[in-house]
């Protein structure tokens, strides 16, 4: 059975969110982990035909709530009801059978399988027990058309961009025709076109009377999409507001973080030194023409562009993760040649990757191991690890960046996405680095933590380090950068100082003609 979410003939029959009875009701949900009270008597309801926003800092309990809803986590107390009937989900299979779909920020796709295989995973069409490949491809094509994606259904998922993978994850969940659908930071890797398409899909689902939970850190999305918004803090339900223009942004932020944040970017001007990084005619995979730019000591250089513009690919060429075919890189006046990322780190260049799950962390290892994985060479003697020093380093950065974890021995895979990102940042802050390549450094990170991270970036720049921030968030790149370089279709097409880096100017450069 498939959803008709791209059509809206049922819109008139959909119940009004303002007057409809709750379809999903959670009452007094409590979840405990060793040493952590993840959810403390949380109550929440979502009505038919409603998009209910869920906001809060990383570690506030949002993801834990979704895992209760999906059957991954079992609550120690409280009840969950659908359409007035109490439910007990002992597994994800039980939640899916009851009509619940969760679209997580961290993707659950099989990279080696095709797009069609991933879309239909767990529900493969068959004839007499044999896979019906023709039907498989046909259903995948229909779903891709509904998503507005022009992707070969027989292409392996590992060759897709992060944004395309996100849309496949969304399609996989929507094909189950769920009555309750939860989106966890769904636009964090999407282009503006894909975001527009996603919003169209969600509005169609709303018109059909689905109950939708929408987890986001982006205020603009709450105002544009949500009917109500609930704020979590420290595992507790703080308040629920009617969304819309009447909801004050400062009030919402203060409710989330427990304090006032006047300017999340907090830009701080500074004196710049000489050229620290000189990239000259570098060419390689993902670029359509050689790229050249310079970055000075104490400078924060923003890189903006649409998905597929080549920004991440250029960072990997600089870092030695991908071998350039031509060009040269000069660091502090000395020509360097990085054949591996290890060469780059030892020369003083570090990359915080866009895809932290696949490229940034070792999910089964501890927070301490992930944080110390590079800098441990500085305090190891005769290839013997110094456990005491590593524990001290981990403890110091857990405190400095306010990483929400029980301790340094906690597996990093159990942390929220934003806290995983903080561990990666700590890894490089613990190193002797002159140039920081930050690819989407605040992806999936809440407003309070973002403000702290921006402060760290300014601190690095004030200490004479060079910081390059790759971001799809237009407001972010304008807010933090001294200068913005724009890329389009594998080329650098603009280089604007802060005074000229207006939204209109950047968008005009980034959009295809």
Protein backbone atom coordinates (compact mmCIF):
# COMPACT_ATOMS: atom_id res chain seq x y z
CA UNK A 1 0.00 0.00 0.00
CA UNK A 2 1.45 3.40 -0.92
CA UNK A 3 0.66 6.92 0.20
CA UNK A 4 -0.94 9.56 -1.98
CA UNK A 5 0.97 12.28 -0.16
CA UNK A 6 1.81 14.20 -3.35
CA UNK A 7 -1.85 14.92 -4.01
CA UNK A 8 -4.21 17.12 -2.02
CA UNK A 9 -7.81 16.13 -2.85
CA UNK A 10 -8.29 15.01 0.76
CA UNK A 11 -7.26 18.39 2.15
CA UNK A 12 -10.83 19.59 2.68
CA UNK A 13 -11.72 16.44 4.61
CA UNK A 14 -8.67 16.64 6.88
CA UNK A 15 -9.45 17.48 10.52
CA UNK A 16 -8.50 20.95 11.72
CA UNK A 17 -5.35 20.84 13.87
CA UNK A 18 -6.87 23.42 16.22
CA UNK A 19 -9.92 21.32 17.02
CA UNK A 20 -8.90 17.75 16.27
CA UNK A 21 -8.50 15.11 18.99
CA UNK A 22 -4.95 13.86 19.62
CA UNK A 23 -4.06 10.85 17.51
CA UNK A 24 -0.72 10.27 19.28
CA UNK A 25 -0.57 10.72 23.04
CA UNK A 26 2.44 10.21 25.31
CA UNK A 27 1.79 10.53 29.02
CA UNK A 28 4.48 10.60 31.74
CA UNK A 29 7.16 8.92 29.62
CA UNK A 30 10.33 8.27 31.63
CA UNK A 31 13.53 6.74 30.22
CA UNK A 32 16.65 5.97 32.25
CA UNK A 33 20.11 5.05 31.01
CA UNK A 34 23.05 4.20 33.31
CA UNK A 35 23.73 7.41 35.22
CA UNK A 36 21.37 9.47 33.03
CA UNK A 37 17.67 10.37 33.29
CA UNK A 38 17.07 10.84 29.55
CA UNK A 39 13.32 11.61 29.77
CA UNK A 40 11.63 12.76 32.97
CA UNK A 41 7.84 12.25 32.95
CA UNK A 42 7.37 13.74 29.48
CA UNK A 43 3.86 14.22 28.11
CA UNK A 44 3.08 15.21 24.53
CA UNK A 45 0.18 14.91 22.11
CA UNK A 46 0.00 15.24 18.31
CA UNK A 47 -3.30 15.74 16.49
CA UNK A 48 -4.45 14.43 13.15
CA UNK A 49 -3.50 16.81 10.37
CA UNK A 50 -0.93 18.59 12.53
CA UNK A 51 2.76 19.31 12.09
CA UNK A 52 4.04 19.44 15.66
CA UNK A 53 7.51 20.95 16.01
CA UNK A 54 9.93 19.62 18.61
CA UNK A 55 12.85 21.80 19.66
CA UNK A 56 15.59 21.71 22.28
CA UNK A 57 19.33 21.63 22.72
CA UNK A 58 21.35 18.51 21.91
CA UNK A 59 20.81 16.00 24.70
CA UNK A 60 17.43 17.53 25.61
CA UNK A 61 15.69 14.18 24.97
CA UNK A 62 14.22 14.66 21.49
CA UNK A 63 15.94 11.65 19.91
CA UNK A 64 15.19 9.50 22.95
CA UNK A 65 11.50 10.32 22.58
CA UNK A 66 11.59 9.28 18.91
CA UNK A 67 13.27 6.02 19.90
CA UNK A 68 10.46 5.35 22.39
CA UNK A 69 7.97 6.01 19.62
CA UNK A 70 9.82 3.64 17.26
CA UNK A 71 10.19 0.80 19.79
CA UNK A 72 13.98 1.13 20.12
CA UNK A 73 13.84 2.35 23.74
CA UNK A 74 11.44 0.96 26.31
CA UNK A 75 10.16 3.52 28.86
CA UNK A 76 10.54 2.81 32.57
CA UNK A 77 7.21 4.54 33.15
CA UNK A 78 4.41 6.22 31.21
CA UNK A 79 2.03 5.28 28.42
CA UNK A 80 1.85 5.69 24.64
CA UNK A 81 -1.51 5.68 22.84
CA UNK A 82 -2.57 5.81 19.19
CA UNK A 83 -6.13 6.90 18.43
CA UNK A 84 -7.08 6.29 22.07
CA UNK A 85 -5.64 2.76 22.20
CA UNK A 86 -2.65 2.15 24.49
CA UNK A 87 0.34 0.62 22.71
CA UNK A 88 3.42 -1.30 23.85
CA UNK A 89 6.16 -1.33 21.21
CA UNK A 90 8.68 -4.03 22.08
CA UNK A 91 10.47 -3.63 18.75
CA UNK A 92 10.72 -1.40 15.69
CA UNK A 93 8.73 -4.03 13.79
CA UNK A 94 5.83 -3.56 16.19
CA UNK A 95 5.93 0.23 15.80
CA UNK A 96 5.98 -0.02 12.00
CA UNK A 97 3.05 -2.46 12.07
CA UNK A 98 1.09 0.06 14.16
CA UNK A 99 1.66 2.75 11.52
CA UNK A 100 4.65 4.66 12.95
CA UNK A 101 7.56 5.80 10.76
CA UNK A 102 10.69 7.59 11.99
CA UNK A 103 13.04 9.38 9.61
CA UNK A 104 16.26 9.82 11.57
CA UNK A 105 18.92 12.48 10.98
CA UNK A 106 21.57 9.75 10.98
CA UNK A 107 20.66 7.72 7.91
CA UNK A 108 19.91 4.00 8.04
CA UNK A 109 20.71 2.97 4.48
CA UNK A 110 22.83 0.12 3.10
CA UNK A 111 25.51 1.85 0.98
CA UNK A 112 26.36 -1.24 -1.11
CA UNK A 113 22.74 -1.80 -2.18
CA UNK A 114 20.93 0.07 -4.94
CA UNK A 115 18.47 2.92 -4.48
CA UNK A 116 15.61 0.55 -5.35
CA UNK A 117 16.80 -2.06 -2.84
CA UNK A 118 17.01 0.51 -0.06
CA UNK A 119 13.58 1.97 -0.80
CA UNK A 120 11.94 -1.45 -0.64
CA UNK A 121 14.08 -3.00 2.10
CA UNK A 122 11.90 -5.27 4.20
CA UNK A 123 9.07 -5.22 1.67
CA UNK A 124 10.60 -6.60 -1.53
CA UNK A 125 8.04 -7.51 -4.23
CA UNK A 126 8.11 -11.18 -5.16
CA UNK A 127 6.41 -13.76 -7.31
CA UNK A 128 6.11 -17.24 -5.84
CA UNK A 129 8.88 -16.41 -3.34
CA UNK A 130 11.30 -15.08 -6.00
CA UNK A 131 12.30 -11.42 -6.12
CA UNK A 132 10.36 -9.56 -8.82
CA UNK A 133 13.11 -7.24 -10.06
CA UNK A 134 10.89 -5.59 -12.67
CA UNK A 135 8.29 -4.66 -10.06
CA UNK A 136 11.05 -3.54 -7.69
CA UNK A 137 12.45 -1.05 -10.21
CA UNK A 138 9.00 0.15 -11.30
CA UNK A 139 7.92 0.92 -7.73
CA UNK A 140 11.24 2.64 -7.03
CA UNK A 141 10.85 4.84 -10.13
CA UNK A 142 7.34 5.88 -9.02
CA UNK A 143 8.59 6.76 -5.57
CA UNK A 144 11.54 8.77 -6.90
CA UNK A 145 9.15 10.71 -9.13
CA UNK A 146 6.96 11.51 -6.12
CA UNK A 147 10.04 12.72 -4.26
CA UNK A 148 11.02 14.87 -7.25
CA UNK A 149 14.41 13.15 -7.52
CA UNK A 150 16.07 12.23 -10.82
CA UNK A 151 18.15 9.30 -9.59
CA UNK A 152 18.91 5.99 -11.30
CA UNK A 153 17.10 3.36 -9.17
CA UNK A 154 19.88 0.87 -9.96
CA UNK A 155 22.66 3.17 -8.70
CA UNK A 156 24.39 2.17 -5.46
CA UNK A 157 23.48 4.45 -2.56
CA UNK A 158 27.16 4.98 -1.66
CA UNK A 159 27.59 7.05 -4.84
CA UNK A 160 24.82 9.52 -3.93
CA UNK A 161 25.27 12.88 -2.22
CA UNK A 162 24.24 13.28 1.43
CA UNK A 163 21.16 15.22 0.34
CA UNK A 164 20.09 12.52 -2.11
CA UNK A 165 20.55 9.85 0.56
CA UNK A 166 18.36 11.88 2.91
CA UNK A 167 15.58 11.93 0.31
CA UNK A 168 15.88 8.14 -0.13
CA UNK A 169 15.51 7.73 3.64
CA UNK A 170 12.39 9.90 3.54
CA UNK A 171 10.96 7.92 0.61
CA UNK A 172 11.61 4.63 2.40
CA UNK A 173 9.56 5.73 5.40
CA UNK A 174 6.73 7.29 3.40
CA UNK A 175 6.19 4.12 1.36
CA UNK A 176 4.97 2.40 4.54
CA UNK A 177 1.82 4.57 4.56
CA UNK A 178 2.29 5.43 8.24
CA UNK A 179 -0.29 7.43 10.23
CA UNK A 180 2.38 8.90 12.53
CA UNK A 181 5.54 10.21 10.87
CA UNK A 182 8.44 11.79 12.74
CA UNK A 183 11.15 13.76 10.91
CA UNK A 184 14.44 14.25 12.77
CA UNK A 185 16.30 17.28 11.34
CA UNK A 186 15.28 16.28 7.77
CA UNK A 187 16.66 19.38 6.01
CA UNK A 188 20.14 19.27 7.57
CA UNK A 189 21.65 17.90 4.35
CA UNK A 190 19.11 19.06 1.75
CA UNK A 191 19.51 21.71 -0.91
CA UNK A 192 16.97 24.55 -1.11
CA UNK A 193 15.20 22.72 -3.96
CA UNK A 194 15.02 19.49 -1.98
CA UNK A 195 13.82 21.38 1.11
CA UNK A 196 11.01 22.98 -0.90
CA UNK A 197 10.06 19.53 -2.22
CA UNK A 198 10.11 18.06 1.31
CA UNK A 199 7.84 20.81 2.62
CA UNK A 200 5.40 20.11 -0.22
CA UNK A 201 5.38 16.43 0.77
CA UNK A 202 4.80 17.24 4.45
CA UNK A 203 1.93 19.59 3.63
CA UNK A 204 0.37 16.82 1.55
CA UNK A 205 0.69 14.38 4.46
CA UNK A 206 -0.85 16.97 6.78
CA UNK A 207 -3.80 17.39 4.38
CA UNK A 208 -4.33 13.62 4.53
CA UNK A 209 -4.72 13.82 8.31
CA UNK A 210 -1.38 12.28 9.28
CA UNK A 211 0.10 13.15 12.70
CA UNK A 212 3.56 14.61 12.07
CA UNK A 213 6.40 15.33 14.50
CA UNK A 214 9.03 17.66 13.09
CA UNK A 215 12.32 17.91 15.01
CA UNK A 216 14.42 20.90 13.99
CA UNK A 217 16.88 23.50 15.22
CA UNK A 218 15.90 25.96 12.49
CA UNK A 219 13.51 28.65 13.64
CA UNK A 220 12.41 29.60 10.13
CA UNK A 221 11.16 26.07 9.52
CA UNK A 222 9.02 26.18 12.66
CA UNK A 223 7.35 29.40 11.55
CA UNK A 224 6.82 28.16 7.99
CA UNK A 225 5.68 24.60 8.63
CA UNK A 226 4.53 23.88 12.18
CA UNK A 227 1.12 24.32 13.85
CA UNK A 228 2.46 23.94 17.38
CA UNK A 229 5.95 23.62 18.84
CA UNK A 230 7.05 21.88 22.03
CA UNK A 231 10.34 22.68 23.75
CA UNK A 232 12.40 20.09 25.66
CA UNK A 233 15.25 20.88 28.04
CA UNK A 234 17.30 18.39 30.07
CA UNK A 235 14.86 15.56 29.38
CA UNK A 236 11.79 17.54 30.45
CA UNK A 237 8.79 19.03 28.64
CA UNK A 238 9.19 22.78 29.20
CA UNK A 239 6.30 24.28 27.25
CA UNK A 240 4.12 23.99 24.14
CA UNK A 241 3.35 27.04 22.00
CA UNK A 242 1.07 27.80 19.09
CA UNK A 243 3.44 28.45 16.18
CA UNK A 244 3.21 31.39 13.79
CA UNK A 245 4.20 35.00 13.77
CA UNK A 246 2.81 35.54 17.26
CA UNK A 247 5.51 33.29 18.76
CA UNK A 248 8.47 35.41 19.86
CA UNK A 249 11.86 34.02 18.75
CA UNK A 250 13.74 35.25 21.81
CA UNK A 251 11.19 33.63 24.08
CA UNK A 252 11.53 30.33 22.21
CA UNK A 253 15.35 30.41 22.40
CA UNK A 254 15.35 31.30 26.09
CA UNK A 255 12.94 28.44 26.72
CA UNK A 256 15.28 26.04 24.90
CA UNK A 257 18.58 27.03 26.53
CA UNK A 258 17.44 28.49 29.83
CA UNK A 259 19.14 31.79 29.09
CA UNK A 260 18.96 34.65 26.61
CA UNK A 261 21.05 34.59 23.41
CA UNK A 262 20.88 38.00 21.77
CA UNK A 263 22.98 37.15 18.68
CA UNK A 264 23.68 33.51 17.93
CA UNK A 265 26.57 34.40 15.59
CA UNK A 266 28.25 37.01 17.82
CA UNK A 267 30.63 38.09 15.06
CA UNK A 268 33.92 39.52 16.33
CA UNK A 269 36.13 41.52 13.98
CA UNK A 270 39.92 41.08 14.30
CA UNK A 271 43.24 42.02 12.78
CA UNK A 272 44.37 39.67 10.01
CA UNK A 273 47.94 38.50 9.42
CA UNK A 274 49.69 37.30 6.31
CA UNK A 275 48.62 34.52 3.95
CA UNK A 276 48.64 31.20 5.79
CA UNK A 277 47.05 28.95 3.15
CA UNK A 278 47.49 29.38 -0.60
CA UNK A 279 45.56 27.00 -2.86
CA UNK A 280 46.76 27.45 -6.44
CA UNK A 281 44.97 25.84 -9.42
CA UNK A 282 44.09 22.65 -7.52
CA UNK A 283 42.13 20.21 -9.66
CA UNK A 284 40.66 16.82 -8.90
CA UNK A 285 37.53 14.73 -8.48
CA UNK A 286 34.40 16.80 -7.99
CA UNK A 287 35.78 19.97 -9.62
CA UNK A 288 35.13 21.14 -13.18
CA UNK A 289 37.95 23.67 -13.29
CA UNK A 290 41.06 24.40 -11.17
CA UNK A 291 40.36 26.15 -7.85
CA UNK A 292 42.49 28.94 -6.42
CA UNK A 293 42.10 31.00 -3.25
CA UNK A 294 44.10 32.27 -0.28
CA UNK A 295 43.28 32.51 3.43
CA UNK A 296 45.11 34.65 5.97
CA UNK A 297 46.14 34.19 9.59
CA UNK A 298 43.22 35.04 11.85
CA UNK A 299 40.71 34.90 8.98
CA UNK A 300 37.42 32.99 8.83
CA UNK A 301 36.62 32.23 5.20
CA UNK A 302 33.14 31.01 4.36
CA UNK A 303 32.38 28.66 1.45
CA UNK A 304 28.82 28.79 0.19
CA UNK A 305 27.04 26.95 -2.62
CA UNK A 306 24.23 24.56 -3.39
CA UNK A 307 24.49 20.80 -2.86
CA UNK A 308 26.88 19.40 -5.49
CA UNK A 309 28.75 22.69 -5.93
CA UNK A 310 32.09 21.00 -5.12
CA UNK A 311 32.80 22.58 -1.73
CA UNK A 312 33.28 19.33 0.20
CA UNK A 313 35.28 17.87 -2.68
CA UNK A 314 37.67 20.83 -2.63
CA UNK A 315 38.20 20.48 1.13
CA UNK A 316 39.07 16.79 0.70
CA UNK A 317 41.57 17.67 -2.05
CA UNK A 318 43.26 20.18 0.26
CA UNK A 319 43.27 17.71 3.16
CA UNK A 320 44.79 14.82 1.20
CA UNK A 321 41.70 12.60 1.56
CA UNK A 322 41.45 12.66 -2.26
CA UNK A 323 44.52 13.00 -4.45
CA UNK A 324 44.60 16.16 -6.62
CA UNK A 325 45.40 15.73 -10.31
CA UNK A 326 47.15 19.10 -10.53
CA UNK A 327 47.89 22.33 -8.67
CA UNK A 328 49.83 23.14 -5.53
CA UNK A 329 49.19 24.07 -1.92
CA UNK A 330 51.37 26.41 0.12
CA UNK A 331 51.15 26.48 3.92
CA UNK A 332 52.86 29.31 5.83
CA UNK A 333 55.00 30.08 2.78
CA UNK A 334 56.13 26.48 2.27
CA UNK A 335 54.85 24.24 -0.50
CA UNK A 336 53.28 21.07 0.88
CA UNK A 337 52.13 17.81 -0.68
CA UNK A 338 49.63 15.72 1.26
CA UNK A 339 49.26 12.13 0.08
CA UNK A 340 47.14 11.20 3.10
CA UNK A 341 45.16 13.03 5.81
CA UNK A 342 47.92 12.03 8.26
CA UNK A 343 50.36 14.19 6.27
CA UNK A 344 47.92 17.11 6.48
CA UNK A 345 47.35 16.81 10.24
CA UNK A 346 51.08 16.62 10.94
CA UNK A 347 51.61 19.73 8.82
CA UNK A 348 48.87 21.56 10.74
CA UNK A 349 45.71 21.12 8.58
CA UNK A 350 42.58 19.39 9.92
CA UNK A 351 39.19 18.56 8.42
CA UNK A 352 35.88 18.30 10.27
CA UNK A 353 33.87 16.31 7.66
CA UNK A 354 30.28 16.85 6.61
CA UNK A 355 29.30 13.19 7.07
CA UNK A 356 30.38 12.69 10.67
CA UNK A 357 28.82 9.23 10.98
CA UNK A 358 30.75 7.72 8.07
CA UNK A 359 33.89 9.86 8.05
CA UNK A 360 34.19 11.59 11.41
CA UNK A 361 33.75 9.05 14.20
CA UNK A 362 34.41 5.43 15.14
CA UNK A 363 30.91 4.76 16.46
CA UNK A 364 31.74 1.71 18.60
CA UNK A 365 34.73 3.42 20.26
CA UNK A 366 34.51 5.64 23.33
CA UNK A 367 34.30 9.42 23.48
CA UNK A 368 37.86 9.46 24.84
CA UNK A 369 39.23 7.26 22.05
CA UNK A 370 37.54 9.38 19.37
CA UNK A 371 38.78 12.61 20.92
CA UNK A 372 42.37 11.39 21.41
CA UNK A 373 42.72 9.43 18.18
CA UNK A 374 45.06 11.99 16.62
CA UNK A 375 46.64 13.93 19.49
CA UNK A 376 47.66 10.82 21.47
CA UNK A 377 50.88 10.63 19.46
CA UNK A 378 52.08 13.72 21.34
CA UNK A 379 52.04 11.99 24.73
CA UNK A 380 52.68 8.34 23.83
CA UNK A 381 56.17 6.98 24.51
CA UNK A 382 57.61 4.00 22.66
CA UNK A 383 54.15 3.36 21.13
CA UNK A 384 52.65 2.88 24.61
CA UNK A 385 49.43 4.82 25.20
CA UNK A 386 49.22 7.10 28.22
CA UNK A 387 45.75 6.30 29.54
CA UNK A 388 45.97 8.87 32.33
CA UNK A 389 46.82 11.70 29.93
CA UNK A 390 44.10 10.64 27.50
CA UNK A 391 41.52 10.61 30.30
CA UNK A 392 42.62 14.09 31.40
CA UNK A 393 42.38 15.44 27.84
CA UNK A 394 38.93 13.93 27.35
CA UNK A 395 37.69 15.28 30.69
CA UNK A 396 38.99 18.77 29.89
CA UNK A 397 37.27 18.99 26.50
CA UNK A 398 34.04 17.37 27.71
CA UNK A 399 33.88 20.24 30.20
CA UNK A 400 35.09 22.97 27.81
CA UNK A 401 32.59 22.17 25.05
CA UNK A 402 29.83 21.04 27.43
CA UNK A 403 29.60 17.62 25.78
CA UNK A 404 26.62 15.76 27.21
CA UNK A 405 27.98 12.33 28.07
CA UNK A 406 28.20 10.27 31.23
CA UNK A 407 32.00 10.18 30.95
CA UNK A 408 34.87 9.66 28.48
CA UNK A 409 34.29 5.90 28.41
CA UNK A 410 30.80 6.22 26.92
CA UNK A 411 30.54 4.89 23.33
CA UNK A 412 30.31 7.90 21.03
CA UNK A 413 27.61 6.18 18.97
CA UNK A 414 25.18 6.62 21.90
CA UNK A 415 25.58 10.43 21.90
CA UNK A 416 23.30 12.82 20.02
CA UNK A 417 24.52 14.06 16.65
CA UNK A 418 25.41 17.48 18.00
CA UNK A 419 27.48 16.03 20.83
CA UNK A 420 29.29 13.76 18.37
CA UNK A 421 30.17 16.89 16.40
CA UNK A 422 31.55 18.50 19.53
CA UNK A 423 33.83 15.49 20.08
CA UNK A 424 35.20 15.85 16.53
CA UNK A 425 35.84 19.54 17.12
CA UNK A 426 37.57 18.68 20.39
CA UNK A 427 39.82 16.25 18.55
CA UNK A 428 41.25 19.05 16.45
CA UNK A 429 41.28 21.62 19.24
CA UNK A 430 43.54 19.20 21.11
CA UNK A 431 45.93 19.11 18.15
CA UNK A 432 48.58 21.54 16.90
CA UNK A 433 46.55 22.86 13.97
CA UNK A 434 47.01 26.06 11.94
CA UNK A 435 44.24 25.59 9.35
CA UNK A 436 40.81 24.24 10.30
CA UNK A 437 38.59 23.02 7.44
CA UNK A 438 35.09 22.94 8.93
CA UNK A 439 32.59 21.26 6.59
CA UNK A 440 29.06 21.98 7.90
CA UNK A 441 30.37 22.27 11.50
CA UNK A 442 26.96 23.01 13.04
CA UNK A 443 24.86 20.51 11.09
CA UNK A 444 22.24 19.15 13.48
CA UNK A 445 23.45 21.30 16.38
CA UNK A 446 21.06 23.37 18.48
CA UNK A 447 21.10 27.15 18.75
CA UNK A 448 22.79 27.25 22.16
CA UNK A 449 25.62 24.89 21.17
CA UNK A 450 26.05 26.69 17.85
CA UNK A 451 26.65 29.95 19.69
CA UNK A 452 29.34 28.22 21.75
CA UNK A 453 30.97 26.71 18.65
CA UNK A 454 31.05 30.08 16.88
CA UNK A 455 32.78 31.47 19.94
CA UNK A 456 35.39 28.71 19.65
CA UNK A 457 35.94 29.51 15.97
CA UNK A 458 36.46 33.20 16.76
CA UNK A 459 38.88 32.19 19.50
CA UNK A 460 40.90 30.12 17.01
CA UNK A 461 40.98 33.01 14.56
CA UNK A 462 42.04 35.46 17.28
CA UNK A 463 44.91 33.11 18.09
CA UNK A 464 46.15 33.42 14.49
CA UNK A 465 44.65 30.21 13.13
CA UNK A 466 42.87 30.10 9.77
CA UNK A 467 39.31 28.78 9.77
CA UNK A 468 37.41 27.75 6.64
CA UNK A 469 33.68 27.21 7.20
CA UNK A 470 31.74 25.31 4.53
CA UNK A 471 28.02 25.83 5.08
CA UNK A 472 24.73 25.46 3.24
CA UNK A 473 23.15 27.79 5.80
CA UNK A 474 23.19 31.21 4.17
CA UNK A 475 22.62 33.08 7.44
CA UNK A 476 25.45 31.17 9.10
CA UNK A 477 28.06 31.80 6.42
CA UNK A 478 27.17 35.50 6.34
CA UNK A 479 27.08 35.68 10.13
CA UNK A 480 30.50 34.17 10.93
CA UNK A 481 32.76 34.76 7.90
CA UNK A 482 35.11 37.66 7.17
CA UNK A 483 34.87 36.77 3.49
CA UNK A 484 32.67 34.40 1.48
CA UNK A 485 33.77 32.29 -1.49
CA UNK A 486 30.92 30.96 -3.63
CA UNK A 487 31.08 27.74 -5.63
CA UNK A 488 28.74 26.53 -8.37
CA UNK A 489 28.90 23.30 -10.38
CA UNK A 490 32.49 22.52 -9.43
CA UNK A 491 33.85 26.06 -9.90
CA UNK A 492 34.68 29.05 -7.72
CA UNK A 493 32.42 31.82 -9.07
CA UNK A 494 32.72 34.54 -6.45
CA UNK A 495 34.90 35.91 -3.63
CA UNK A 496 33.13 38.59 -1.60
CA UNK A 497 34.28 40.55 1.48
CA UNK A 498 31.85 40.63 4.41
CA UNK A 499 30.38 44.01 3.47
CA UNK A 500 29.36 42.70 0.04
CA UNK A 501 28.27 39.20 1.11
CA UNK A 502 24.53 39.87 1.15
CA UNK A 503 21.94 37.09 0.79
CA UNK A 504 20.92 38.42 -2.63
CA UNK A 505 24.50 38.58 -3.91
CA UNK A 506 25.40 35.07 -2.71
CA UNK A 507 22.22 33.44 -4.01
CA UNK A 508 22.61 35.05 -7.44
CA UNK A 509 26.15 33.63 -7.69
CA UNK A 510 25.19 30.16 -6.42
CA UNK A 511 22.08 29.51 -8.52
CA UNK A 512 22.48 27.83 -11.92
CA UNK A 513 21.68 30.10 -14.87
